[in-house]
Amino acid sequence: MTMPRTIAAVALGLLLCVPGLARAQYVFTQIDVPGAAATYANGNTTHASAGEFDDEDGNTHGFVLSRGTFTQFDAPGADGYTSVNGINAKGERSGIYFANDGSTDTYGARETSPRSTRPARPSR
């Protein structure tokens, strides 16, 4: 390595070690489905977040959070477990569910089949 390349490499290494320049800028928002024992966010678009939550009875339901409102989603034929693992800009969802026959299946949904709609809690 030539001297100018060595100096450039050392300068670049020192520049990358400066804490303020390497820090990413993120905003974190807590997501809690009202009344849920646990909430897990699995995917998002610019307008909605999607995931799953556990109710007090131990069942898991999918959800979509859009414009401050949670919409519960259970795949048709699901037996206690539905998860929304992805959502696109059109609101189309995909995920997995446990079927009544004991199998694990996948789904893709274009329209919602909500059982309930829950308003979001105010941020703390």
N, C-alpha and C. Protein backbone atom coordinates (compact mmCIF):
# COMPACT_ATOMS: atom_id res chain seq x y z
N MET A 1 0.84 -1.18 0.00
CA MET A 1 0.00 0.00 0.00
C MET A 1 0.88 1.25 0.00
N THR A 2 0.52 2.23 -0.77
CA THR A 2 1.29 3.46 -0.80
C THR A 2 0.90 4.33 0.38
N MET A 3 1.73 5.29 0.69
CA MET A 3 1.49 6.17 1.84
C MET A 3 0.18 6.94 1.71
N PRO A 4 -0.19 7.53 0.55
CA PRO A 4 -1.47 8.24 0.46
C PRO A 4 -2.68 7.32 0.70
N ARG A 5 -2.59 6.07 0.22
CA ARG A 5 -3.70 5.14 0.44
C ARG A 5 -3.81 4.76 1.91
N THR A 6 -2.68 4.59 2.57
CA THR A 6 -2.68 4.26 3.99
C THR A 6 -3.30 5.40 4.80
N ILE A 7 -2.91 6.61 4.49
CA ILE A 7 -3.46 7.78 5.20
C ILE A 7 -4.96 7.89 4.94
N ALA A 8 -5.39 7.66 3.71
CA ALA A 8 -6.82 7.73 3.38
C ALA A 8 -7.60 6.65 4.13
N ALA A 9 -7.05 5.45 4.22
CA ALA A 9 -7.71 4.36 4.94
C ALA A 9 -7.84 4.67 6.43
N VAL A 10 -6.77 5.19 7.02
CA VAL A 10 -6.81 5.55 8.45
C VAL A 10 -7.80 6.68 8.67
N ALA A 11 -7.81 7.69 7.81
CA ALA A 11 -8.75 8.82 7.95
C ALA A 11 -10.18 8.34 7.85
N LEU A 12 -10.47 7.45 6.91
CA LEU A 12 -11.82 6.92 6.75
C LEU A 12 -12.22 6.13 7.99
N GLY A 13 -11.31 5.32 8.52
CA GLY A 13 -11.59 4.55 9.74
C GLY A 13 -11.90 5.46 10.91
N LEU A 14 -11.15 6.53 11.08
CA LEU A 14 -11.41 7.48 12.17
C LEU A 14 -12.73 8.21 11.97
N LEU A 15 -13.06 8.55 10.73
CA LEU A 15 -14.31 9.24 10.44
C LEU A 15 -15.51 8.36 10.78
N LEU A 16 -15.42 7.08 10.48
CA LEU A 16 -16.53 6.16 10.78
C LEU A 16 -16.68 5.90 12.27
N CYS A 17 -15.66 6.18 13.05
CA CYS A 17 -15.73 5.97 14.50
C CYS A 17 -16.35 7.15 15.23
N VAL A 18 -16.58 8.26 14.56
CA VAL A 18 -17.19 9.42 15.20
C VAL A 18 -18.64 9.08 15.51
N PRO A 19 -19.03 9.06 16.81
CA PRO A 19 -20.37 8.59 17.18
C PRO A 19 -21.53 9.34 16.56
N GLY A 20 -21.48 10.63 16.47
CA GLY A 20 -22.61 11.41 15.97
C GLY A 20 -22.90 11.18 14.49
N LEU A 21 -21.89 10.92 13.71
CA LEU A 21 -22.09 10.75 12.28
C LEU A 21 -22.65 9.38 11.92
N ALA A 22 -22.36 8.37 12.71
CA ALA A 22 -22.78 7.02 12.38
C ALA A 22 -24.14 6.66 12.97
N ARG A 23 -24.71 7.52 13.76
CA ARG A 23 -25.97 7.22 14.44
C ARG A 23 -27.15 7.33 13.48
N ALA A 24 -27.96 6.28 13.41
CA ALA A 24 -29.15 6.29 12.56
C ALA A 24 -30.27 7.06 13.27
N GLN A 25 -31.16 7.62 12.50
CA GLN A 25 -32.27 8.40 13.04
C GLN A 25 -33.57 7.61 12.90
N TYR A 26 -34.14 7.16 14.01
CA TYR A 26 -35.37 6.38 14.01
C TYR A 26 -36.35 6.98 15.00
N VAL A 27 -37.62 6.78 14.76
CA VAL A 27 -38.66 7.11 15.71
C VAL A 27 -39.38 5.81 16.03
N PHE A 28 -39.42 5.44 17.30
CA PHE A 28 -40.06 4.21 17.72
C PHE A 28 -41.43 4.52 18.31
N THR A 29 -42.42 3.73 17.93
CA THR A 29 -43.78 3.89 18.44
C THR A 29 -44.22 2.56 19.02
N GLN A 30 -44.67 2.58 20.26
CA GLN A 30 -45.16 1.36 20.90
C GLN A 30 -46.52 1.00 20.34
N ILE A 31 -46.73 -0.27 20.02
CA ILE A 31 -48.01 -0.75 19.49
C ILE A 31 -48.59 -1.76 20.48
N ASP A 32 -49.73 -1.46 21.03
CA ASP A 32 -50.43 -2.35 21.96
C ASP A 32 -51.88 -2.46 21.55
N VAL A 33 -52.34 -3.66 21.18
CA VAL A 33 -53.75 -3.85 20.90
C VAL A 33 -54.49 -3.77 22.23
N PRO A 34 -55.51 -2.92 22.35
CA PRO A 34 -56.25 -2.79 23.61
C PRO A 34 -56.81 -4.13 24.10
N GLY A 35 -56.56 -4.45 25.36
CA GLY A 35 -57.08 -5.67 25.96
C GLY A 35 -56.27 -6.91 25.66
N ALA A 36 -55.19 -6.79 24.90
CA ALA A 36 -54.38 -7.95 24.53
C ALA A 36 -53.40 -8.29 25.64
N ALA A 37 -53.10 -9.59 25.77
CA ALA A 37 -52.07 -10.03 26.70
C ALA A 37 -50.68 -9.74 26.14
N ALA A 38 -50.53 -9.78 24.81
CA ALA A 38 -49.26 -9.49 24.13
C ALA A 38 -49.56 -9.06 22.70
N THR A 39 -48.71 -8.20 22.16
CA THR A 39 -48.86 -7.70 20.78
C THR A 39 -47.53 -7.83 20.07
N TYR A 40 -47.55 -8.30 18.82
CA TYR A 40 -46.34 -8.47 18.01
C TYR A 40 -46.58 -7.83 16.65
N ALA A 41 -45.75 -6.86 16.29
CA ALA A 41 -45.85 -6.22 14.98
C ALA A 41 -44.95 -7.00 14.02
N ASN A 42 -45.50 -7.40 12.87
CA ASN A 42 -44.76 -8.22 11.91
C ASN A 42 -44.45 -7.52 10.60
N GLY A 43 -45.18 -6.48 10.24
CA GLY A 43 -44.96 -5.83 8.96
C GLY A 43 -45.63 -4.47 8.92
N ASN A 44 -45.26 -3.67 7.95
CA ASN A 44 -45.87 -2.36 7.83
C ASN A 44 -45.76 -1.82 6.41
N THR A 45 -46.59 -0.83 6.16
CA THR A 45 -46.50 -0.01 4.95
C THR A 45 -46.41 1.42 5.44
N THR A 46 -46.48 2.38 4.54
CA THR A 46 -46.44 3.77 4.98
C THR A 46 -47.71 4.18 5.71
N HIS A 47 -48.82 3.40 5.55
CA HIS A 47 -50.09 3.78 6.14
C HIS A 47 -50.65 2.79 7.16
N ALA A 48 -50.02 1.64 7.32
CA ALA A 48 -50.58 0.63 8.23
C ALA A 48 -49.48 -0.27 8.79
N SER A 49 -49.76 -0.82 9.96
CA SER A 49 -48.90 -1.83 10.56
C SER A 49 -49.74 -3.09 10.73
N ALA A 50 -49.10 -4.24 10.71
CA ALA A 50 -49.82 -5.51 10.83
C ALA A 50 -49.04 -6.45 11.74
N GLY A 51 -49.78 -7.38 12.34
CA GLY A 51 -49.12 -8.34 13.21
C GLY A 51 -50.10 -9.31 13.82
N GLU A 52 -49.85 -9.66 15.07
CA GLU A 52 -50.69 -10.60 15.79
C GLU A 52 -50.75 -10.19 17.25
N PHE A 53 -51.81 -10.62 17.92
CA PHE A 53 -51.92 -10.38 19.35
C PHE A 53 -52.56 -11.58 20.02
N ASP A 54 -52.22 -11.76 21.28
CA ASP A 54 -52.78 -12.84 22.08
C ASP A 54 -53.89 -12.28 22.96
N ASP A 55 -55.05 -12.94 22.95
CA ASP A 55 -56.14 -12.49 23.83
C ASP A 55 -56.02 -13.18 25.19
N GLU A 56 -56.94 -12.84 26.10
CA GLU A 56 -56.89 -13.37 27.47
C GLU A 56 -57.11 -14.88 27.50
N ASP A 57 -57.75 -15.45 26.47
CA ASP A 57 -58.02 -16.89 26.43
C ASP A 57 -56.87 -17.69 25.81
N GLY A 58 -55.81 -17.01 25.38
CA GLY A 58 -54.67 -17.70 24.80
C GLY A 58 -54.76 -17.88 23.29
N ASN A 59 -55.78 -17.32 22.66
CA ASN A 59 -55.90 -17.39 21.21
C ASN A 59 -55.11 -16.24 20.58
N THR A 60 -54.59 -16.48 19.38
CA THR A 60 -53.82 -15.47 18.67
C THR A 60 -54.60 -15.03 17.44
N HIS A 61 -54.72 -13.73 17.26
CA HIS A 61 -55.47 -13.13 16.16
C HIS A 61 -54.54 -12.20 15.39
N GLY A 62 -54.79 -12.06 14.10
CA GLY A 62 -54.07 -11.08 13.31
C GLY A 62 -54.69 -9.70 13.52
N PHE A 63 -53.91 -8.66 13.23
CA PHE A 63 -54.46 -7.30 13.30
C PHE A 63 -53.83 -6.43 12.24
N VAL A 64 -54.56 -5.37 11.90
CA VAL A 64 -54.06 -4.29 11.07
C VAL A 64 -54.34 -3.01 11.83
N LEU A 65 -53.32 -2.16 12.00
CA LEU A 65 -53.46 -0.86 12.63
C LEU A 65 -53.35 0.18 11.54
N SER A 66 -54.45 0.90 11.28
CA SER A 66 -54.46 1.91 10.24
C SER A 66 -55.24 3.12 10.73
N ARG A 67 -54.62 4.28 10.61
CA ARG A 67 -55.25 5.55 11.02
C ARG A 67 -55.76 5.50 12.46
N GLY A 68 -55.00 4.87 13.33
CA GLY A 68 -55.32 4.84 14.74
C GLY A 68 -56.34 3.80 15.16
N THR A 69 -56.76 2.94 14.24
CA THR A 69 -57.76 1.92 14.56
C THR A 69 -57.19 0.52 14.31
N PHE A 70 -57.36 -0.35 15.30
CA PHE A 70 -56.97 -1.75 15.16
C PHE A 70 -58.15 -2.52 14.57
N THR A 71 -57.88 -3.35 13.56
CA THR A 71 -58.90 -4.23 13.01
C THR A 71 -58.40 -5.66 13.20
N GLN A 72 -59.18 -6.46 13.90
CA GLN A 72 -58.83 -7.86 14.13
C GLN A 72 -59.10 -8.66 12.86
N PHE A 73 -58.22 -9.61 12.57
CA PHE A 73 -58.39 -10.45 11.40
C PHE A 73 -58.16 -11.91 11.79
N ASP A 74 -59.14 -12.76 11.50
CA ASP A 74 -59.01 -14.20 11.70
C ASP A 74 -59.28 -14.87 10.35
N ALA A 75 -58.34 -15.69 9.91
CA ALA A 75 -58.51 -16.38 8.62
C ALA A 75 -59.70 -17.32 8.71
N PRO A 76 -60.51 -17.41 7.65
CA PRO A 76 -61.63 -18.36 7.65
C PRO A 76 -61.12 -19.79 7.89
N GLY A 77 -61.72 -20.48 8.84
CA GLY A 77 -61.30 -21.84 9.16
C GLY A 77 -60.16 -21.91 10.16
N ALA A 78 -59.75 -20.76 10.71
CA ALA A 78 -58.66 -20.75 11.69
C ALA A 78 -59.14 -21.31 13.02
N ASP A 79 -58.24 -22.01 13.71
CA ASP A 79 -58.56 -22.60 15.00
C ASP A 79 -57.60 -22.06 16.06
N GLY A 80 -57.86 -20.84 16.52
CA GLY A 80 -57.08 -20.28 17.62
C GLY A 80 -55.81 -19.55 17.27
N TYR A 81 -55.41 -19.53 15.99
CA TYR A 81 -54.18 -18.83 15.64
C TYR A 81 -54.25 -18.29 14.21
N THR A 82 -54.12 -16.98 14.10
CA THR A 82 -53.96 -16.29 12.81
C THR A 82 -52.90 -15.23 12.99
N SER A 83 -51.98 -15.13 12.06
CA SER A 83 -50.95 -14.11 12.11
C SER A 83 -50.93 -13.37 10.78
N VAL A 84 -50.88 -12.05 10.82
CA VAL A 84 -50.67 -11.24 9.61
C VAL A 84 -49.17 -10.96 9.57
N ASN A 85 -48.48 -11.57 8.60
CA ASN A 85 -47.03 -11.44 8.52
C ASN A 85 -46.57 -10.38 7.54
N GLY A 86 -47.45 -9.92 6.68
CA GLY A 86 -47.08 -8.89 5.72
C GLY A 86 -48.29 -8.14 5.23
N ILE A 87 -48.06 -6.88 4.84
CA ILE A 87 -49.13 -6.03 4.30
C ILE A 87 -48.49 -5.11 3.27
N ASN A 88 -49.20 -4.88 2.17
CA ASN A 88 -48.67 -3.97 1.16
C ASN A 88 -49.46 -2.67 1.12
N ALA A 89 -49.08 -1.78 0.21
CA ALA A 89 -49.70 -0.46 0.14
C ALA A 89 -51.19 -0.52 -0.20
N LYS A 90 -51.65 -1.59 -0.86
CA LYS A 90 -53.07 -1.74 -1.17
C LYS A 90 -53.86 -2.31 0.00
N GLY A 91 -53.18 -2.69 1.08
CA GLY A 91 -53.86 -3.27 2.23
C GLY A 91 -54.01 -4.78 2.12
N GLU A 92 -53.42 -5.40 1.10
CA GLU A 92 -53.49 -6.85 0.96
C GLU A 92 -52.56 -7.49 1.99
N ARG A 93 -53.08 -8.49 2.70
CA ARG A 93 -52.34 -9.12 3.77
C ARG A 93 -51.98 -10.55 3.42
N SER A 94 -50.94 -11.05 4.05
CA SER A 94 -50.58 -12.46 3.94
C SER A 94 -50.11 -12.93 5.30
N GLY A 95 -50.27 -14.22 5.53
CA GLY A 95 -49.84 -14.76 6.80
C GLY A 95 -50.10 -16.25 6.91
N ILE A 96 -50.12 -16.73 8.15
CA ILE A 96 -50.36 -18.15 8.41
C ILE A 96 -51.47 -18.30 9.44
N TYR A 97 -52.06 -19.50 9.46
CA TYR A 97 -53.07 -19.81 10.47
C TYR A 97 -53.08 -21.30 10.72
N PHE A 98 -53.55 -21.67 11.91
CA PHE A 98 -53.75 -23.08 12.24
C PHE A 98 -55.18 -23.42 11.84
N ALA A 99 -55.33 -24.44 11.00
CA ALA A 99 -56.65 -24.84 10.50
C ALA A 99 -57.32 -25.80 11.47
N ASN A 100 -58.64 -25.94 11.31
CA ASN A 100 -59.43 -26.83 12.16
C ASN A 100 -58.95 -28.28 12.09
N ASP A 101 -58.35 -28.68 10.97
CA ASP A 101 -57.89 -30.07 10.82
C ASP A 101 -56.49 -30.30 11.41
N GLY A 102 -55.93 -29.27 12.06
CA GLY A 102 -54.62 -29.40 12.70
C GLY A 102 -53.45 -28.99 11.83
N SER A 103 -53.69 -28.65 10.57
CA SER A 103 -52.60 -28.24 9.69
C SER A 103 -52.30 -26.75 9.85
N THR A 104 -51.13 -26.35 9.39
CA THR A 104 -50.75 -24.94 9.33
C THR A 104 -50.85 -24.52 7.88
N ASP A 105 -51.61 -23.48 7.60
CA ASP A 105 -51.84 -23.04 6.23
C ASP A 105 -51.45 -21.58 6.06
N THR A 106 -51.29 -21.18 4.81
CA THR A 106 -51.00 -19.78 4.50
C THR A 106 -52.23 -19.16 3.84
N TYR A 107 -52.29 -17.85 3.85
CA TYR A 107 -53.40 -17.15 3.20
C TYR A 107 -52.90 -15.84 2.61
N GLY A 108 -53.66 -15.34 1.68
CA GLY A 108 -53.50 -14.00 1.14
C GLY A 108 -54.89 -13.39 1.14
N ALA A 109 -55.04 -12.20 1.67
CA ALA A 109 -56.37 -11.59 1.79
C ALA A 109 -56.37 -10.21 1.16
N ARG A 110 -57.41 -9.94 0.38
CA ARG A 110 -57.55 -8.63 -0.25
C ARG A 110 -58.53 -7.75 0.51
N GLU A 111 -59.56 -8.33 1.08
CA GLU A 111 -60.54 -7.57 1.83
C GLU A 111 -60.52 -8.06 3.27
N THR A 112 -60.86 -7.18 4.19
CA THR A 112 -60.84 -7.58 5.60
C THR A 112 -62.06 -8.41 5.93
N SER A 113 -61.89 -9.29 6.87
CA SER A 113 -62.98 -10.06 7.46
C SER A 113 -62.91 -9.83 8.97
N PRO A 114 -63.11 -8.59 9.42
CA PRO A 114 -62.87 -8.30 10.83
C PRO A 114 -63.96 -8.85 11.74
N ARG A 115 -63.54 -9.28 12.89
CA ARG A 115 -64.50 -9.64 13.93
C ARG A 115 -64.81 -8.42 14.79
N SER A 116 -63.81 -7.57 14.96
CA SER A 116 -64.04 -6.37 15.75
C SER A 116 -63.04 -5.31 15.36
N THR A 117 -63.37 -4.09 15.66
CA THR A 117 -62.48 -2.97 15.45
C THR A 117 -62.27 -2.31 16.80
N ARG A 118 -61.01 -2.07 17.14
CA ARG A 118 -60.67 -1.52 18.44
C ARG A 118 -59.94 -0.19 18.24
N PRO A 119 -60.35 0.86 18.92
CA PRO A 119 -59.61 2.12 18.80
C PRO A 119 -58.24 2.00 19.46
N ALA A 120 -57.27 2.69 18.92
CA ALA A 120 -55.92 2.66 19.48
C ALA A 120 -55.90 3.43 20.80
N ARG A 121 -55.02 3.00 21.68
CA ARG A 121 -54.80 3.73 22.94
C ARG A 121 -53.98 4.97 22.63
N PRO A 122 -54.20 6.03 23.39
CA PRO A 122 -53.35 7.21 23.20
C PRO A 122 -51.91 6.87 23.58
N SER A 123 -50.95 7.48 22.90
CA SER A 123 -49.54 7.26 23.21
C SER A 123 -49.22 7.80 24.58
N ARG A 124 -48.26 7.14 25.21
CA ARG A 124 -47.81 7.60 26.55
C ARG A 124 -46.66 8.52 26.44
